[in-house]
Amino acid sequence: MKKEFQLRLLPTLALATVAALAGCGGGGGEREAGQGLAQGVTLEFVARAGSAPVSCGTLVSGLGSGGVDAQLQDLRFYISNVRLLRSDGSEVALALGANDDWNLTAGSDSLTLIDLEDGSGACSEGTAATNATIRGTVPAGDYTGVKLTMGVPFALNHSDYAMAPRPLDLQGMAWSWQSGRKFANIELTEPAGTSRPWTTSSFLFHLGSTGCSGNPASGETVSCAAPNRMEFTLANFDPATQRIAIDLQALLAGTDITVNRGGGPGCMSGGTDPECLRVFEALAIDWKPDGSGTGRPIAGGAAQTLFRAVAK
């Protein structure tokens, strides 16, 4: 049986608090949803390498097939179109608040930039500003889990970053050669004094759509052979007691991050880049060494290992 939880209310919804609390346990919440009452949702993200916290300026251990040490260089990713799940399997879209530095709603699409680097240590290309949360509202009621996409929706992806609204205006998340965005920018670098020197100084994982054609700047229609948007679901997830961990150890399991066997340093989502094989397995996205992968989630991302729920 799926566990149901009543999502906590944001302070700005104080007028709805009494009615929403009265709806705990099922039917009441559904009736209130019909009356337009809403309840707040806060999803919190953390970075992990297995069970160990990950942050800029500290050594990250046990990475890749060799279990090596590394320094974090960047850790940012876009999460879009969040849906809360009811016990009957139906999905309810999370409505974000006003557009700001981290959040954007445009038409039927919404996204949030999660930024887990603070500009310290080897994260020198980042800034001190961080964002580890997605906040929004759903109709009052009982929910059992959450469904998310790591990626930028197609309608928002292909544009000039310099002219785009926040948080799509970041040069560090732009991917000019593919006319889109880096959905995830996860970078690691060789630590000083390592006993096992890397053949390349960094391992870069840039997730984004590949095989793209068409220049949006000249009004051409863009199409991409491999969308590479990652879907994942956390069932029995309670945001009041749990956070969402992105696990770098799971992402890099089976990959020797100290050696570059082809393509750019690391995995740039290319269809024939040998460093992408195990990485895309962790994402549960269809990728094949001969470039014939569809770039679409396998079974809705059911076997992904990158994200998991952890206790607060």
C-alpha atoms as a PDB file:
ATOM      1  CA  MET A   1       0.000   0.000   0.000  1.00  0.00           C
ATOM      2  CA  LYS A   2       1.355   3.435  -0.897  1.00  0.00           C
ATOM      3  CA  LYS A   3       1.900   5.819   1.967  1.00  0.00           C
ATOM      4  CA  GLU A   4      -0.115   9.024   1.714  1.00  0.00           C
ATOM      5  CA  PHE A   5       1.046  12.319   3.121  1.00  0.00           C
ATOM      6  CA  GLN A   6      -0.463  15.754   3.571  1.00  0.00           C
ATOM      7  CA  LEU A   7       1.936  18.321   2.152  1.00  0.00           C
ATOM      8  CA  ARG A   8       2.826  21.157   4.490  1.00  0.00           C
ATOM      9  CA  LEU A   9       1.379  24.591   3.841  1.00  0.00           C
ATOM     10  CA  LEU A  10       3.425  27.600   2.902  1.00  0.00           C
ATOM     11  CA  PRO A  11       3.071  30.645   5.215  1.00  0.00           C
ATOM     12  CA  THR A  12       1.556  32.628   2.341  1.00  0.00           C
ATOM     13  CA  LEU A  13      -1.405  30.271   2.355  1.00  0.00           C
ATOM     14  CA  ALA A  14      -2.369  30.890   5.952  1.00  0.00           C
ATOM     15  CA  LEU A  15      -6.001  31.546   5.090  1.00  0.00           C
ATOM     16  CA  ALA A  16      -6.294  28.030   3.723  1.00  0.00           C
ATOM     17  CA  THR A  17      -4.532  26.325   6.616  1.00  0.00           C
ATOM     18  CA  VAL A  18      -7.521  25.356   8.727  1.00  0.00           C
ATOM     19  CA  ALA A  19      -9.503  24.031   5.785  1.00  0.00           C
ATOM     20  CA  ALA A  20      -6.526  22.120   4.366  1.00  0.00           C
ATOM     21  CA  LEU A  21      -5.768  20.500   7.713  1.00  0.00           C
ATOM     22  CA  ALA A  22      -9.380  19.452   7.969  1.00  0.00           C
ATOM     23  CA  GLY A  23      -8.914  17.648   4.676  1.00  0.00           C
ATOM     24  CA  CYS A  24      -6.124  15.345   5.955  1.00  0.00           C
ATOM     25  CA  GLY A  25      -6.963  11.735   5.308  1.00  0.00           C
ATOM     26  CA  GLY A  26      -8.529  11.864   1.867  1.00  0.00           C
ATOM     27  CA  GLY A  27     -11.954  13.040   0.732  1.00  0.00           C
ATOM     28  CA  GLY A  28     -12.014  16.421   2.480  1.00  0.00           C
ATOM     29  CA  GLY A  29      -8.853  17.487   0.675  1.00  0.00           C
ATOM     30  CA  GLU A  30     -10.394  16.597  -2.660  1.00  0.00           C
ATOM     31  CA  ARG A  31     -13.490  18.739  -1.981  1.00  0.00           C
ATOM     32  CA  GLU A  32     -11.305  21.667  -0.944  1.00  0.00           C
ATOM     33  CA  ALA A  33      -9.257  21.307  -4.121  1.00  0.00           C
ATOM     34  CA  GLY A  34     -12.453  21.890  -6.049  1.00  0.00           C
ATOM     35  CA  GLN A  35     -12.994  25.086  -4.053  1.00  0.00           C
ATOM     36  CA  GLY A  36      -9.612  26.417  -5.171  1.00  0.00           C
ATOM     37  CA  LEU A  37      -7.659  25.944  -1.941  1.00  0.00           C
ATOM     38  CA  ALA A  38      -3.978  25.187  -2.388  1.00  0.00           C
ATOM     39  CA  GLN A  39      -1.195  23.772  -0.286  1.00  0.00           C
ATOM     40  CA  GLY A  40       2.509  24.427  -0.497  1.00  0.00           C
ATOM     41  CA  VAL A  41       5.211  21.975  -1.535  1.00  0.00           C
ATOM     42  CA  THR A  42       8.933  22.330  -0.899  1.00  0.00           C
ATOM     43  CA  LEU A  43      11.289  19.857  -2.557  1.00  0.00           C
ATOM     44  CA  GLU A  44      14.854  19.974  -1.228  1.00  0.00           C
ATOM     45  CA  PHE A  45      17.919  18.641  -3.067  1.00  0.00           C
ATOM     46  CA  VAL A  46      21.288  17.538  -1.673  1.00  0.00           C
ATOM     47  CA  ALA A  47      24.484  16.235  -3.280  1.00  0.00           C
ATOM     48  CA  ARG A  48      25.913  12.886  -2.195  1.00  0.00           C
ATOM     49  CA  ALA A  49      28.615  10.405  -3.135  1.00  0.00           C
ATOM     50  CA  GLY A  50      27.062   7.284  -1.714  1.00  0.00           C
ATOM     51  CA  SER A  51      26.229   8.331   1.836  1.00  0.00           C
ATOM     52  CA  ALA A  52      28.839  11.112   2.029  1.00  0.00           C
ATOM     53  CA  PRO A  53      27.903  14.784   1.502  1.00  0.00           C
ATOM     54  CA  VAL A  54      29.394  16.496  -1.554  1.00  0.00           C
ATOM     55  CA  SER A  55      30.397  20.143  -1.664  1.00  0.00           C
ATOM     56  CA  CYS A  56      32.887  22.489  -3.283  1.00  0.00           C
ATOM     57  CA  GLY A  57      36.255  22.686  -1.568  1.00  0.00           C
ATOM     58  CA  THR A  58      36.155  19.200  -0.051  1.00  0.00           C
ATOM     59  CA  LEU A  59      37.493  15.905  -1.376  1.00  0.00           C
ATOM     60  CA  VAL A  60      34.895  13.617  -2.972  1.00  0.00           C
ATOM     61  CA  SER A  61      35.921   9.976  -2.521  1.00  0.00           C
ATOM     62  CA  GLY A  62      35.034   6.609  -4.035  1.00  0.00           C
ATOM     63  CA  LEU A  63      34.182   7.763  -7.553  1.00  0.00           C
ATOM     64  CA  GLY A  64      34.193   5.748 -10.741  1.00  0.00           C
ATOM     65  CA  SER A  65      35.328   2.193 -11.377  1.00  0.00           C
ATOM     66  CA  GLY A  66      38.590   2.899  -9.577  1.00  0.00           C
ATOM     67  CA  GLY A  67      37.017   4.420  -6.477  1.00  0.00           C
ATOM     68  CA  VAL A  68      39.199   7.516  -6.883  1.00  0.00           C
ATOM     69  CA  ASP A  69      39.156  10.906  -5.197  1.00  0.00           C
ATOM     70  CA  ALA A  70      38.129  14.082  -7.009  1.00  0.00           C
ATOM     71  CA  GLN A  71      37.276  17.726  -6.438  1.00  0.00           C
ATOM     72  CA  LEU A  72      33.877  19.105  -7.370  1.00  0.00           C
ATOM     73  CA  GLN A  73      34.093  21.755 -10.092  1.00  0.00           C
ATOM     74  CA  ASP A  74      30.416  22.348 -10.919  1.00  0.00           C
ATOM     75  CA  LEU A  75      27.026  20.897  -9.960  1.00  0.00           C
ATOM     76  CA  ARG A  76      23.985  22.515 -11.543  1.00  0.00           C
ATOM     77  CA  PHE A  77      20.934  21.059 -13.279  1.00  0.00           C
ATOM     78  CA  TYR A  78      17.461  22.046 -14.459  1.00  0.00           C
ATOM     79  CA  ILE A  79      14.369  20.286 -13.107  1.00  0.00           C
ATOM     80  CA  SER A  80      11.195  20.839 -15.098  1.00  0.00           C
ATOM     81  CA  ASN A  81       7.460  20.131 -15.034  1.00  0.00           C
ATOM     82  CA  VAL A  82       7.241  18.648 -11.535  1.00  0.00           C
ATOM     83  CA  ARG A  83       4.121  16.563 -10.877  1.00  0.00           C
ATOM     84  CA  LEU A  84       2.782  15.268  -7.585  1.00  0.00           C
ATOM     85  CA  LEU A  85       1.259  11.777  -7.647  1.00  0.00           C
ATOM     86  CA  ARG A  86      -2.007  10.677  -6.080  1.00  0.00           C
ATOM     87  CA  SER A  87      -2.621   7.154  -4.806  1.00  0.00           C
ATOM     88  CA  ASP A  88      -4.642   6.341  -7.935  1.00  0.00           C
ATOM     89  CA  GLY A  89      -1.622   7.170 -10.114  1.00  0.00           C
ATOM     90  CA  SER A  90      -2.958  10.482 -11.417  1.00  0.00           C
ATOM     91  CA  GLU A  91      -0.566  13.408 -11.742  1.00  0.00           C
ATOM     92  CA  VAL A  92      -1.025  16.988 -10.534  1.00  0.00           C
ATOM     93  CA  ALA A  93       1.289  19.703 -11.843  1.00  0.00           C
ATOM     94  CA  LEU A  94       3.226  21.733  -9.287  1.00  0.00           C
ATOM     95  CA  ALA A  95       2.574  25.446  -9.858  1.00  0.00           C
ATOM     96  CA  LEU A  96       5.680  27.526  -9.215  1.00  0.00           C
ATOM     97  CA  GLY A  97       5.523  31.017  -7.758  1.00  0.00           C
ATOM     98  CA  ALA A  98       6.580  34.195  -9.546  1.00  0.00           C
ATOM     99  CA  ASN A  99       9.432  34.006 -12.056  1.00  0.00           C
ATOM    100  CA  ASP A 100      12.772  34.853 -10.458  1.00  0.00           C
ATOM    101  CA  ASP A 101      16.485  34.015 -10.613  1.00  0.00           C
ATOM    102  CA  TRP A 102      15.814  30.300 -10.198  1.00  0.00           C
ATOM    103  CA  ASN A 103      12.287  29.652 -11.485  1.00  0.00           C
ATOM    104  CA  LEU A 104      10.496  30.157 -14.775  1.00  0.00           C
ATOM    105  CA  THR A 105       6.966  29.375 -15.891  1.00  0.00           C
ATOM    106  CA  ALA A 106       6.130  29.941 -19.554  1.00  0.00           C
ATOM    107  CA  GLY A 107       2.900  28.603 -20.974  1.00  0.00           C
ATOM    108  CA  SER A 108       2.421  25.015 -19.866  1.00  0.00           C
ATOM    109  CA  ASP A 109       6.104  24.531 -18.997  1.00  0.00           C
ATOM    110  CA  SER A 110       7.941  25.297 -15.785  1.00  0.00           C
ATOM    111  CA  LEU A 111      11.515  24.791 -14.648  1.00  0.00           C
ATOM    112  CA  THR A 112      13.853  25.439 -11.741  1.00  0.00           C
ATOM    113  CA  LEU A 113      17.641  25.678 -11.736  1.00  0.00           C
ATOM    114  CA  ILE A 114      19.127  23.655  -8.890  1.00  0.00           C
ATOM    115  CA  ASP A 115      22.589  25.051  -8.100  1.00  0.00           C
ATOM    116  CA  LEU A 116      24.602  23.036  -5.566  1.00  0.00           C
ATOM    117  CA  GLU A 117      27.964  24.747  -6.114  1.00  0.00           C
ATOM    118  CA  ASP A 118      28.948  27.855  -4.153  1.00  0.00           C
ATOM    119  CA  GLY A 119      31.954  29.180  -6.055  1.00  0.00           C
ATOM    120  CA  SER A 120      34.492  27.981  -3.486  1.00  0.00           C
ATOM    121  CA  GLY A 121      37.426  25.614  -3.943  1.00  0.00           C
ATOM    122  CA  ALA A 122      37.647  24.210  -7.469  1.00  0.00           C
ATOM    123  CA  CYS A 123      34.153  25.585  -8.280  1.00  0.00           C
ATOM    124  CA  SER A 124      35.763  28.820  -9.423  1.00  0.00           C
ATOM    125  CA  GLU A 125      33.493  29.331 -12.438  1.00  0.00           C
ATOM    126  CA  GLY A 126      30.402  29.378 -10.250  1.00  0.00           C
ATOM    127  CA  THR A 127      29.047  31.939  -7.815  1.00  0.00           C
ATOM    128  CA  ALA A 128      28.312  32.064  -4.108  1.00  0.00           C
ATOM    129  CA  ALA A 129      24.580  32.030  -4.840  1.00  0.00           C
ATOM    130  CA  THR A 130      22.983  28.598  -4.545  1.00  0.00           C
ATOM    131  CA  ASN A 131      19.516  27.102  -4.829  1.00  0.00           C
ATOM    132  CA  ALA A 132      18.592  23.688  -3.455  1.00  0.00           C
ATOM    133  CA  THR A 133      14.790  23.918  -3.446  1.00  0.00           C
ATOM    134  CA  ILE A 134      11.740  23.864  -5.667  1.00  0.00           C
ATOM    135  CA  ARG A 135       8.727  25.588  -4.112  1.00  0.00           C
ATOM    136  CA  GLY A 136       5.214  25.626  -5.452  1.00  0.00           C
ATOM    137  CA  THR A 137       1.584  24.785  -4.796  1.00  0.00           C
ATOM    138  CA  VAL A 138      -0.901  22.036  -5.650  1.00  0.00           C
ATOM    139  CA  PRO A 139      -4.607  21.666  -4.887  1.00  0.00           C
ATOM    140  CA  ALA A 140      -5.123  20.553  -1.301  1.00  0.00           C
ATOM    141  CA  GLY A 141      -5.215  16.792  -0.984  1.00  0.00           C
ATOM    142  CA  ASP A 142      -3.236  13.639  -0.314  1.00  0.00           C
ATOM    143  CA  TYR A 143      -0.232  12.736  -2.452  1.00  0.00           C
ATOM    144  CA  THR A 144       1.993   9.687  -2.510  1.00  0.00           C
ATOM    145  CA  GLY A 145       5.031  10.654  -4.564  1.00  0.00           C
ATOM    146  CA  VAL A 146       6.627  12.975  -7.072  1.00  0.00           C
ATOM    147  CA  LYS A 147       7.570  12.778 -10.758  1.00  0.00           C
ATOM    148  CA  LEU A 148      10.255  15.029 -12.235  1.00  0.00           C
ATOM    149  CA  THR A 149      12.251  15.666 -15.393  1.00  0.00           C
ATOM    150  CA  MET A 150      15.904  16.685 -15.450  1.00  0.00           C
ATOM    151  CA  GLY A 151      16.090  18.837 -18.538  1.00  0.00           C
ATOM    152  CA  VAL A 152      14.766  21.956 -20.224  1.00  0.00           C
ATOM    153  CA  PRO A 153      11.438  21.582 -22.086  1.00  0.00           C
ATOM    154  CA  PHE A 154      11.831  21.723 -25.854  1.00  0.00           C
ATOM    155  CA  ALA A 155       9.825  24.957 -26.178  1.00  0.00           C
ATOM    156  CA  LEU A 156      12.248  26.760 -23.840  1.00  0.00           C
ATOM    157  CA  ASN A 157      15.510  25.079 -24.789  1.00  0.00           C
ATOM    158  CA  HIS A 158      16.561  26.461 -28.148  1.00  0.00           C
ATOM    159  CA  SER A 159      17.156  30.180 -27.781  1.00  0.00           C
ATOM    160  CA  ASP A 160      19.943  32.719 -27.404  1.00  0.00           C
ATOM    161  CA  TYR A 161      20.959  32.571 -23.740  1.00  0.00           C
ATOM    162  CA  ALA A 162      21.898  36.266 -23.791  1.00  0.00           C
ATOM    163  CA  MET A 163      18.291  37.180 -24.620  1.00  0.00           C
ATOM    164  CA  ALA A 164      16.586  34.477 -22.535  1.00  0.00           C
ATOM    165  CA  PRO A 165      14.744  35.025 -19.244  1.00  0.00           C
ATOM    166  CA  ARG A 166      16.244  33.822 -15.976  1.00  0.00           C
ATOM    167  CA  PRO A 167      17.384  31.141 -15.201  1.00  0.00           C
ATOM    168  CA  LEU A 168      18.008  30.297 -18.877  1.00  0.00           C
ATOM    169  CA  ASP A 169      20.341  33.262 -19.306  1.00  0.00           C
ATOM    170  CA  LEU A 170      23.472  31.654 -17.852  1.00  0.00           C
ATOM    171  CA  GLN A 171      26.414  31.308 -20.191  1.00  0.00           C
ATOM    172  CA  GLY A 172      27.754  28.416 -18.113  1.00  0.00           C
ATOM    173  CA  MET A 173      24.573  26.422 -18.834  1.00  0.00           C
ATOM    174  CA  ALA A 174      24.388  27.329 -22.529  1.00  0.00           C
ATOM    175  CA  TRP A 175      25.379  24.798 -25.158  1.00  0.00           C
ATOM    176  CA  SER A 176      25.954  26.865 -28.258  1.00  0.00           C
ATOM    177  CA  TRP A 177      27.172  24.037 -30.470  1.00  0.00           C
ATOM    178  CA  GLN A 178      23.896  22.214 -29.921  1.00  0.00           C
ATOM    179  CA  SER A 179      21.729  25.372 -29.909  1.00  0.00           C
ATOM    180  CA  GLY A 180      20.325  24.586 -26.496  1.00  0.00           C
ATOM    181  CA  ARG A 181      21.129  24.212 -22.820  1.00  0.00           C
ATOM    182  CA  LYS A 182      23.126  21.891 -20.668  1.00  0.00           C
ATOM    183  CA  PHE A 183      20.390  20.159 -18.720  1.00  0.00           C
ATOM    184  CA  ALA A 184      23.002  19.113 -16.185  1.00  0.00           C
ATOM    185  CA  ASN A 185      26.504  20.490 -15.678  1.00  0.00           C
ATOM    186  CA  ILE A 186      28.370  18.112 -13.369  1.00  0.00           C
ATOM    187  CA  GLU A 187      32.130  18.520 -13.405  1.00  0.00           C
ATOM    188  CA  LEU A 188      34.938  16.929 -11.418  1.00  0.00           C
ATOM    189  CA  THR A 189      38.642  17.653 -11.473  1.00  0.00           C
ATOM    190  CA  GLU A 190      41.793  15.818 -10.464  1.00  0.00           C
ATOM    191  CA  PRO A 191      42.771  16.644  -6.872  1.00  0.00           C
ATOM    192  CA  ALA A 192      46.228  17.997  -6.150  1.00  0.00           C
ATOM    193  CA  GLY A 193      48.801  15.421  -5.062  1.00  0.00           C
ATOM    194  CA  THR A 194      46.866  12.384  -6.287  1.00  0.00           C
ATOM    195  CA  SER A 195      48.831   9.145  -6.334  1.00  0.00           C
ATOM    196  CA  ARG A 196      47.154   8.110  -9.583  1.00  0.00           C
ATOM    197  CA  PRO A 197      47.498  10.942 -12.120  1.00  0.00           C
ATOM    198  CA  TRP A 198      44.601  11.359 -14.556  1.00  0.00           C
ATOM    199  CA  THR A 199      45.252  11.272 -18.290  1.00  0.00           C
ATOM    200  CA  THR A 200      42.954  14.294 -18.499  1.00  0.00           C
ATOM    201  CA  SER A 201      42.647  16.818 -15.705  1.00  0.00           C
ATOM    202  CA  SER A 202      38.840  16.808 -15.508  1.00  0.00           C
ATOM    203  CA  PHE A 203      35.778  14.613 -16.020  1.00  0.00           C
ATOM    204  CA  LEU A 204      32.886  16.661 -17.368  1.00  0.00           C
ATOM    205  CA  PHE A 205      29.321  15.411 -17.633  1.00  0.00           C
ATOM    206  CA  HIS A 206      27.149  17.698 -19.731  1.00  0.00           C
ATOM    207  CA  LEU A 207      23.647  16.377 -20.367  1.00  0.00           C
ATOM    208  CA  GLY A 208      21.745  17.918 -23.243  1.00  0.00           C
ATOM    209  CA  SER A 209      19.939  17.214 -26.478  1.00  0.00           C
ATOM    210  CA  THR A 210      22.229  16.023 -29.275  1.00  0.00           C
ATOM    211  CA  GLY A 211      22.007  15.523 -33.004  1.00  0.00           C
ATOM    212  CA  CYS A 212      20.265  18.878 -33.289  1.00  0.00           C
ATOM    213  CA  SER A 213      19.718  20.774 -36.535  1.00  0.00           C
ATOM    214  CA  GLY A 214      18.237  24.162 -37.321  1.00  0.00           C
ATOM    215  CA  ASN A 215      19.379  27.607 -36.187  1.00  0.00           C
ATOM    216  CA  PRO A 216      16.744  29.324 -34.008  1.00  0.00           C
ATOM    217  CA  ALA A 217      18.525  32.662 -34.396  1.00  0.00           C
ATOM    218  CA  SER A 218      17.600  32.691 -38.078  1.00  0.00           C
ATOM    219  CA  GLY A 219      14.084  31.416 -37.506  1.00  0.00           C
ATOM    220  CA  GLU A 220      14.792  27.827 -38.483  1.00  0.00           C
ATOM    221  CA  THR A 221      12.921  24.987 -36.795  1.00  0.00           C
ATOM    222  CA  VAL A 222      15.142  23.012 -34.444  1.00  0.00           C
ATOM    223  CA  SER A 223      14.944  19.250 -34.165  1.00  0.00           C
ATOM    224  CA  CYS A 224      17.140  16.884 -32.141  1.00  0.00           C
ATOM    225  CA  ALA A 225      17.712  13.196 -32.771  1.00  0.00           C
ATOM    226  CA  ALA A 226      18.339  12.500 -29.077  1.00  0.00           C
ATOM    227  CA  PRO A 227      16.297  14.666 -26.646  1.00  0.00           C
ATOM    228  CA  ASN A 228      18.113  13.220 -23.570  1.00  0.00           C
ATOM    229  CA  ARG A 229      15.640  14.512 -20.995  1.00  0.00           C
ATOM    230  CA  MET A 230      15.744  12.323 -17.909  1.00  0.00           C
ATOM    231  CA  GLU A 231      12.476  11.337 -16.238  1.00  0.00           C
ATOM    232  CA  PHE A 232      12.308   9.859 -12.754  1.00  0.00           C
ATOM    233  CA  THR A 233       9.703   9.088 -10.117  1.00  0.00           C
ATOM    234  CA  LEU A 234      10.077   8.871  -6.354  1.00  0.00           C
ATOM    235  CA  ALA A 235       7.232   6.821  -4.937  1.00  0.00           C
ATOM    236  CA  ASN A 236       6.238   7.005  -1.262  1.00  0.00           C
ATOM    237  CA  PHE A 237       8.040  10.334  -1.083  1.00  0.00           C
ATOM    238  CA  ASP A 238       7.230  12.755   1.746  1.00  0.00           C
ATOM    239  CA  PRO A 239       8.832  16.214   1.336  1.00  0.00           C
ATOM    240  CA  ALA A 240       8.255  16.960   5.019  1.00  0.00           C
ATOM    241  CA  THR A 241      10.669  14.228   6.081  1.00  0.00           C
ATOM    242  CA  GLN A 242      12.735  13.496   2.956  1.00  0.00           C
ATOM    243  CA  ARG A 243      15.043  15.230   0.511  1.00  0.00           C
ATOM    244  CA  ILE A 244      16.120  14.296  -3.010  1.00  0.00           C
ATOM    245  CA  ALA A 245      19.770  13.265  -3.260  1.00  0.00           C
ATOM    246  CA  ILE A 246      21.748  13.381  -6.493  1.00  0.00           C
ATOM    247  CA  ASP A 247      24.370  10.648  -6.115  1.00  0.00           C
ATOM    248  CA  LEU A 248      27.660  11.199  -7.988  1.00  0.00           C
ATOM    249  CA  GLN A 249      28.904   7.785  -6.939  1.00  0.00           C
ATOM    250  CA  ALA A 250      25.931   6.143  -8.652  1.00  0.00           C
ATOM    251  CA  LEU A 251      26.291   8.364 -11.724  1.00  0.00           C
ATOM    252  CA  LEU A 252      29.915   7.356 -12.284  1.00  0.00           C
ATOM    253  CA  ALA A 253      29.819   3.716 -11.194  1.00  0.00           C
ATOM    254  CA  GLY A 254      31.586   1.596 -13.809  1.00  0.00           C
ATOM    255  CA  THR A 255      33.299   4.560 -15.494  1.00  0.00           C
ATOM    256  CA  ASP A 256      37.019   5.239 -15.142  1.00  0.00           C
ATOM    257  CA  ILE A 257      36.934   8.996 -14.693  1.00  0.00           C
ATOM    258  CA  THR A 258      40.743   9.273 -14.805  1.00  0.00           C
ATOM    259  CA  VAL A 259      40.993   8.192 -18.466  1.00  0.00           C
ATOM    260  CA  ASN A 260      39.426   9.714 -21.565  1.00  0.00           C
ATOM    261  CA  ARG A 261      38.975   7.047 -24.247  1.00  0.00           C
ATOM    262  CA  GLY A 262      37.338   9.262 -26.852  1.00  0.00           C
ATOM    263  CA  GLY A 263      35.449  12.486 -27.459  1.00  0.00           C
ATOM    264  CA  GLY A 264      35.700  15.345 -24.996  1.00  0.00           C
ATOM    265  CA  PRO A 265      36.975  14.879 -21.426  1.00  0.00           C
ATOM    266  CA  GLY A 266      34.158  12.903 -19.837  1.00  0.00           C
ATOM    267  CA  CYS A 267      30.671  12.482 -21.294  1.00  0.00           C
ATOM    268  CA  MET A 268      29.182  15.267 -23.407  1.00  0.00           C
ATOM    269  CA  SER A 269      26.088  13.206 -24.303  1.00  0.00           C
ATOM    270  CA  GLY A 270      27.551  12.327 -27.686  1.00  0.00           C
ATOM    271  CA  GLY A 271      26.118   9.215 -29.308  1.00  0.00           C
ATOM    272  CA  THR A 272      29.476   7.424 -29.626  1.00  0.00           C
ATOM    273  CA  ASP A 273      31.409   8.798 -26.622  1.00  0.00           C
ATOM    274  CA  PRO A 274      32.634   5.710 -24.698  1.00  0.00           C
ATOM    275  CA  GLU A 275      32.460   7.514 -21.346  1.00  0.00           C
ATOM    276  CA  CYS A 276      28.695   7.910 -21.780  1.00  0.00           C
ATOM    277  CA  LEU A 277      27.733   4.237 -21.675  1.00  0.00           C
ATOM    278  CA  ARG A 278      27.557   3.707 -17.912  1.00  0.00           C
ATOM    279  CA  VAL A 279      26.540   7.299 -17.243  1.00  0.00           C
ATOM    280  CA  PHE A 280      23.412   6.961 -19.379  1.00  0.00           C
ATOM    281  CA  GLU A 281      22.646   3.636 -17.735  1.00  0.00           C
ATOM    282  CA  ALA A 282      22.467   5.516 -14.424  1.00  0.00           C
ATOM    283  CA  LEU A 283      20.040   7.972 -16.052  1.00  0.00           C
ATOM    284  CA  ALA A 284      17.953   5.179 -17.639  1.00  0.00           C
ATOM    285  CA  ILE A 285      18.098   6.971 -20.993  1.00  0.00           C
ATOM    286  CA  ASP A 286      18.389   4.916 -24.173  1.00  0.00           C
ATOM    287  CA  TRP A 287      22.010   5.313 -25.364  1.00  0.00           C
ATOM    288  CA  LYS A 288      23.924   2.940 -27.630  1.00  0.00           C
ATOM    289  CA  PRO A 289      27.647   2.928 -28.508  1.00  0.00           C
ATOM    290  CA  ASP A 290      26.884   2.982 -32.236  1.00  0.00           C
ATOM    291  CA  GLY A 291      24.886   6.190 -31.902  1.00  0.00           C
ATOM    292  CA  SER A 292      21.518   4.536 -32.541  1.00  0.00           C
ATOM    293  CA  GLY A 293      20.042   5.296 -29.115  1.00  0.00           C
ATOM    294  CA  THR A 294      16.763   7.205 -29.054  1.00  0.00           C
ATOM    295  CA  GLY A 295      17.770   9.529 -26.207  1.00  0.00           C
ATOM    296  CA  ARG A 296      14.449   8.823 -24.499  1.00  0.00           C
ATOM    297  CA  PRO A 297      13.762   7.488 -21.006  1.00  0.00           C
ATOM    298  CA  ILE A 298      13.658   3.710 -20.665  1.00  0.00           C
ATOM    299  CA  ALA A 299      10.447   2.573 -18.961  1.00  0.00           C
ATOM    300  CA  GLY A 300       9.862   6.089 -17.662  1.00  0.00           C
ATOM    301  CA  GLY A 301      13.233   6.069 -15.883  1.00  0.00           C
ATOM    302  CA  ALA A 302      12.224   3.237 -13.574  1.00  0.00           C
ATOM    303  CA  ALA A 303      15.780   1.846 -13.313  1.00  0.00           C
ATOM    304  CA  GLN A 304      17.587   5.167 -12.841  1.00  0.00           C
ATOM    305  CA  THR A 305      20.066   5.356  -9.949  1.00  0.00           C
ATOM    306  CA  LEU A 306      21.118   9.013 -10.031  1.00  0.00           C
ATOM    307  CA  PHE A 307      18.336  10.389  -7.773  1.00  0.00           C
ATOM    308  CA  ARG A 308      16.969   8.853  -4.593  1.00  0.00           C
ATOM    309  CA  ALA A 309      15.054   9.888  -1.484  1.00  0.00           C
ATOM    310  CA  VAL A 310      17.031  10.412   1.739  1.00  0.00           C
ATOM    311  CA  ALA A 311      15.925  11.352   5.223  1.00  0.00           C
ATOM    312  CA  LYS A 312      16.248  14.960   6.348  1.00  0.00           C
END
